[in-house]
Amino acid sequence: MRQRLRSWCLVTVTLGVCILYAGATGRADVVVDKNNQFVSSIPGLRVIVSPAFRYIGETQFTTTTEFGDQTQGSAYVFIENVSGQVKRIFYVKLIPELLAFPFNLLGNIAADLDSGFCVLGERQYQCTTKLLSFSGNEPVVKFISPQGYFLPPCLLAKAFVASDPTTNNWLVGIFYLEGVSESVFACHSWKSASQLSGDQRNYIAQFEQNWMNAFTVYAWKAFSIP
């Protein structure tokens, strides 16, 4: 959003959103419009987030690549809250020169509940379901908390992660998190050998439906404007 070198304009057909490439640096402009549409140029990504969420802004953070180098990523954060209590969080992370997502950026993982591969908007992602709590050191938490919001003590998280080698190994991460009832899940007392109860399985089934209703990822289509 800041560097605009040798820029040209792209537009998505349906909304006419103009996006500028920073061609010499590989850094892209990102647009989030008033209809909760997120559009990134590099890597190409278009997501529409449910109006139940409110966009609260972008935060930047530094992490380490597989080769020990420092790289700076950005997270674009949406929340659903009741007064100061955050109920659900949705965010997109874009990190250059990274091949695998460091899950310590997500939180303290209490349980890995599911994993596999799935396709969103014609891109294949590694998708996982995790039970987690926040330590307070996560970039998104450091961004949300100073704004006066309270975060759930235990959450279910759906993570979609893909590396795009066609755009200089940008890592794309899409994350949906919601607070869970501690009468059903308790992060602090979860044991690795714990078996899911019927109530927990039903809870996860509803969680799966919730994330599917929370956002839609579209196939990236951009058209140059003379």
Protein backbone atom coordinates (compact mmCIF):
# COMPACT_ATOMS: atom_id res chain seq x y z
CA MET A 1 0.00 0.00 0.00
CA ARG A 2 2.95 2.28 0.27
CA GLN A 3 5.40 1.64 -2.55
CA ARG A 4 4.06 2.15 -6.04
CA LEU A 5 6.79 1.53 -8.57
CA ARG A 6 5.98 1.06 -12.27
CA SER A 7 2.40 0.61 -11.22
CA TRP A 8 -0.46 -0.45 -13.38
CA CYS A 9 -4.09 -0.83 -12.55
CA LEU A 10 -6.09 -4.00 -12.23
CA VAL A 11 -9.78 -4.32 -11.69
CA THR A 12 -12.00 -7.14 -10.62
CA VAL A 13 -14.96 -7.27 -12.95
CA THR A 14 -17.70 -7.33 -10.37
CA LEU A 15 -16.61 -4.45 -8.17
CA GLY A 16 -14.28 -2.31 -10.20
CA VAL A 17 -11.68 -2.13 -7.45
CA CYS A 18 -8.40 -0.62 -8.55
CA ILE A 19 -5.23 -2.30 -7.28
CA LEU A 20 -1.67 -1.14 -7.84
CA TYR A 21 1.33 -3.42 -8.24
CA ALA A 22 4.67 -2.44 -6.77
CA GLY A 23 6.42 -4.16 -9.64
CA ALA A 24 10.06 -3.69 -8.68
CA THR A 25 9.65 -4.84 -5.06
CA GLY A 26 7.11 -7.62 -5.33
CA ARG A 27 5.03 -5.88 -2.65
CA ALA A 28 1.37 -5.58 -3.53
CA ASP A 29 -1.33 -3.15 -2.62
CA VAL A 30 -4.27 -4.61 -0.73
CA VAL A 31 -7.76 -3.16 -0.81
CA VAL A 32 -10.49 -3.85 1.73
CA ASP A 33 -13.69 -2.10 0.68
CA LYS A 34 -16.80 -1.13 2.64
CA ASN A 35 -18.51 -4.36 1.59
CA ASN A 36 -15.88 -6.43 3.42
CA GLN A 37 -14.18 -7.48 0.22
CA PHE A 38 -10.46 -8.17 0.53
CA VAL A 39 -8.42 -8.03 -2.69
CA SER A 40 -4.68 -8.63 -3.00
CA SER A 41 -2.67 -8.39 -6.21
CA ILE A 42 0.44 -10.48 -5.36
CA PRO A 43 -0.43 -13.21 -4.72
CA GLY A 44 -3.82 -12.82 -6.35
CA LEU A 45 -6.50 -13.32 -3.73
CA ARG A 46 -10.11 -12.17 -3.42
CA VAL A 47 -12.18 -12.87 -0.30
CA ILE A 48 -15.59 -11.60 0.74
CA VAL A 49 -16.15 -11.67 4.50
CA SER A 50 -19.57 -11.90 6.14
CA PRO A 51 -21.08 -8.55 7.20
CA ALA A 52 -21.21 -9.94 10.74
CA PHE A 53 -17.50 -9.08 10.86
CA ARG A 54 -15.94 -5.62 10.97
CA TYR A 55 -12.56 -4.83 9.44
CA ILE A 56 -10.27 -3.24 12.04
CA GLY A 57 -7.12 -2.86 9.97
CA GLU A 58 -3.71 -4.21 8.99
CA THR A 59 -0.84 -5.18 11.24
CA GLN A 60 2.71 -5.99 10.18
CA PHE A 61 5.02 -8.46 11.88
CA THR A 62 8.41 -10.07 11.43
CA THR A 63 9.11 -13.77 11.33
CA THR A 64 11.98 -16.05 10.31
CA THR A 65 12.17 -18.02 7.07
CA GLU A 66 13.31 -21.63 6.72
CA PHE A 67 16.78 -20.27 5.84
CA GLY A 68 17.07 -18.13 8.96
CA ASP A 69 16.35 -14.83 7.23
CA GLN A 70 13.94 -12.23 8.54
CA THR A 71 10.82 -11.48 6.51
CA GLN A 72 7.96 -9.08 7.14
CA GLY A 73 4.38 -10.22 6.76
CA SER A 74 1.03 -8.48 7.01
CA ALA A 75 -2.25 -9.57 8.58
CA TYR A 76 -5.62 -8.07 7.65
CA VAL A 77 -7.99 -8.48 10.56
CA PHE A 78 -11.77 -8.69 10.89
CA ILE A 79 -13.63 -9.29 14.15
CA GLU A 80 -17.13 -9.95 15.40
CA ASN A 81 -17.59 -8.53 18.87
CA VAL A 82 -20.28 -7.81 21.45
CA SER A 83 -19.20 -4.63 23.22
CA GLY A 84 -15.57 -5.33 24.11
CA GLN A 85 -15.76 -9.11 23.90
CA VAL A 86 -14.47 -10.65 20.69
CA LYS A 87 -16.56 -13.63 19.60
CA ARG A 88 -14.95 -14.47 16.26
CA ILE A 89 -11.82 -13.45 14.35
CA PHE A 90 -11.09 -13.73 10.66
CA TYR A 91 -7.81 -12.67 9.11
CA VAL A 92 -5.64 -13.08 6.04
CA LYS A 93 -1.85 -13.28 6.35
CA LEU A 94 0.48 -12.63 3.43
CA ILE A 95 4.16 -13.42 4.07
CA PRO A 96 6.86 -13.23 1.36
CA GLU A 97 9.70 -15.74 0.94
CA LEU A 98 8.14 -18.32 3.23
CA LEU A 99 7.37 -21.94 2.34
CA ALA A 100 5.73 -23.17 5.55
CA PHE A 101 3.60 -21.36 8.11
CA PRO A 102 5.10 -21.15 11.63
CA PHE A 103 2.08 -22.17 13.71
CA ASN A 104 3.48 -20.48 16.81
CA LEU A 105 2.12 -17.32 15.16
CA LEU A 106 -1.35 -18.79 15.57
CA GLY A 107 -1.30 -19.52 19.30
CA ASN A 108 -0.67 -22.24 21.87
CA ILE A 109 -1.98 -25.39 20.21
CA ALA A 110 -3.89 -27.56 22.69
CA ALA A 111 -5.05 -30.09 20.09
CA ASP A 112 -4.80 -30.84 16.38
CA LEU A 113 -8.31 -32.00 15.60
CA ASP A 114 -8.22 -32.42 11.84
CA SER A 115 -5.93 -31.89 8.85
CA GLY A 116 -5.93 -32.42 5.12
CA PHE A 117 -6.07 -30.51 1.85
CA CYS A 118 -8.87 -28.43 0.43
CA VAL A 119 -9.47 -26.02 -2.44
CA LEU A 120 -10.62 -22.42 -2.04
CA GLY A 121 -10.93 -20.20 -5.09
CA GLU A 122 -9.04 -22.67 -7.32
CA ARG A 123 -5.96 -22.70 -5.02
CA GLN A 124 -5.12 -25.80 -2.97
CA TYR A 125 -4.50 -25.21 0.74
CA GLN A 126 -3.35 -27.31 3.62
CA CYS A 127 -6.32 -27.02 5.96
CA THR A 128 -6.30 -27.81 9.67
CA THR A 129 -8.64 -27.54 12.64
CA LYS A 130 -7.01 -26.72 15.96
CA LEU A 131 -7.99 -26.05 19.55
CA LEU A 132 -5.84 -23.26 20.94
CA SER A 133 -5.34 -20.46 23.41
CA PHE A 134 -3.46 -17.19 23.03
CA SER A 135 -0.20 -16.42 24.82
CA GLY A 136 -0.43 -12.70 24.10
CA ASN A 137 2.62 -12.73 21.83
CA GLU A 138 0.78 -13.52 18.60
CA PRO A 139 0.87 -10.64 16.08
CA VAL A 140 -2.91 -10.54 15.70
CA VAL A 141 -3.43 -10.54 19.48
CA LYS A 142 -0.93 -7.70 19.88
CA PHE A 143 -2.96 -5.79 17.31
CA ILE A 144 -6.44 -6.49 18.70
CA SER A 145 -5.89 -6.22 22.48
CA PRO A 146 -4.59 -2.60 22.63
CA GLN A 147 -7.78 -1.51 20.89
CA GLY A 148 -9.71 -2.42 24.04
CA TYR A 149 -11.07 -5.83 23.09
CA PHE A 150 -11.15 -8.95 25.25
CA LEU A 151 -10.26 -12.25 23.62
CA PRO A 152 -11.71 -15.70 24.36
CA PRO A 153 -9.59 -17.93 26.62
CA CYS A 154 -10.05 -20.93 24.33
CA LEU A 155 -10.81 -21.05 20.61
CA LEU A 156 -11.36 -23.36 17.69
CA ALA A 157 -9.33 -22.31 14.66
CA LYS A 158 -9.59 -23.24 11.01
CA ALA A 159 -6.37 -22.54 9.11
CA PHE A 160 -5.85 -22.58 5.36
CA VAL A 161 -2.22 -22.25 4.28
CA ALA A 162 -0.66 -22.32 0.80
CA SER A 163 2.70 -21.36 -0.66
CA ASP A 164 2.65 -19.75 -4.10
CA PRO A 165 6.00 -20.32 -5.87
CA THR A 166 4.83 -18.40 -8.95
CA THR A 167 5.01 -15.15 -6.96
CA ASN A 168 8.40 -15.46 -5.26
CA ASN A 169 7.17 -17.95 -2.62
CA TRP A 170 4.50 -15.84 -1.00
CA LEU A 171 2.74 -17.70 1.76
CA VAL A 172 -1.03 -17.19 1.89
CA GLY A 173 -2.81 -17.89 5.17
CA ILE A 174 -6.56 -17.63 5.77
CA PHE A 175 -7.70 -18.04 9.37
CA TYR A 176 -11.08 -18.29 11.07
CA LEU A 177 -11.27 -18.50 14.87
CA GLU A 178 -14.18 -18.53 17.29
CA GLY A 179 -14.39 -18.71 21.05
CA VAL A 180 -15.65 -22.00 22.46
CA SER A 181 -17.74 -22.82 25.46
CA GLU A 182 -15.44 -23.97 28.25
CA SER A 183 -18.11 -26.44 29.33
CA VAL A 184 -17.46 -28.26 26.03
CA PHE A 185 -13.77 -27.53 25.40
CA ALA A 186 -11.15 -26.43 27.93
CA CYS A 187 -7.74 -25.62 26.49
CA HIS A 188 -5.96 -25.66 29.85
CA SER A 189 -7.05 -29.20 30.72
CA TRP A 190 -6.96 -30.83 27.29
CA LYS A 191 -4.89 -33.99 27.11
CA SER A 192 -3.23 -35.18 23.91
CA ALA A 193 -4.92 -38.56 24.31
CA SER A 194 -8.37 -37.06 24.88
CA GLN A 195 -11.17 -38.61 22.87
CA LEU A 196 -13.89 -36.38 21.47
CA SER A 197 -17.28 -36.73 23.13
CA GLY A 198 -20.55 -36.65 21.21
CA ASP A 199 -21.13 -33.05 22.32
CA GLN A 200 -17.67 -32.05 21.13
CA ARG A 201 -18.19 -33.68 17.75
CA ASN A 202 -21.48 -31.83 17.36
CA TYR A 203 -19.77 -28.59 18.37
CA ILE A 204 -17.08 -29.07 15.74
CA ALA A 205 -19.71 -29.87 13.10
CA GLN A 206 -21.41 -26.55 13.87
CA PHE A 207 -18.03 -24.81 13.81
CA GLU A 208 -17.39 -26.19 10.31
CA GLN A 209 -20.70 -24.73 9.18
CA ASN A 210 -19.89 -21.41 10.84
CA TRP A 211 -16.60 -20.89 8.99
CA MET A 212 -18.20 -21.84 5.68
CA ASN A 213 -20.77 -19.09 6.23
CA ALA A 214 -18.17 -16.56 7.43
CA PHE A 215 -16.24 -15.97 4.19
CA THR A 216 -15.98 -16.91 0.53
CA VAL A 217 -12.76 -17.13 -1.47
CA TYR A 218 -13.08 -16.49 -5.19
CA ALA A 219 -10.88 -17.48 -8.08
CA TRP A 220 -8.54 -14.59 -8.83
CA LYS A 221 -9.36 -12.79 -12.06
CA ALA A 222 -7.78 -9.45 -12.93
CA PHE A 223 -7.95 -7.35 -16.07
CA SER A 224 -5.56 -4.60 -17.05
CA ILE A 225 -6.94 -1.17 -17.83
CA PRO A 226 -5.25 0.83 -20.60
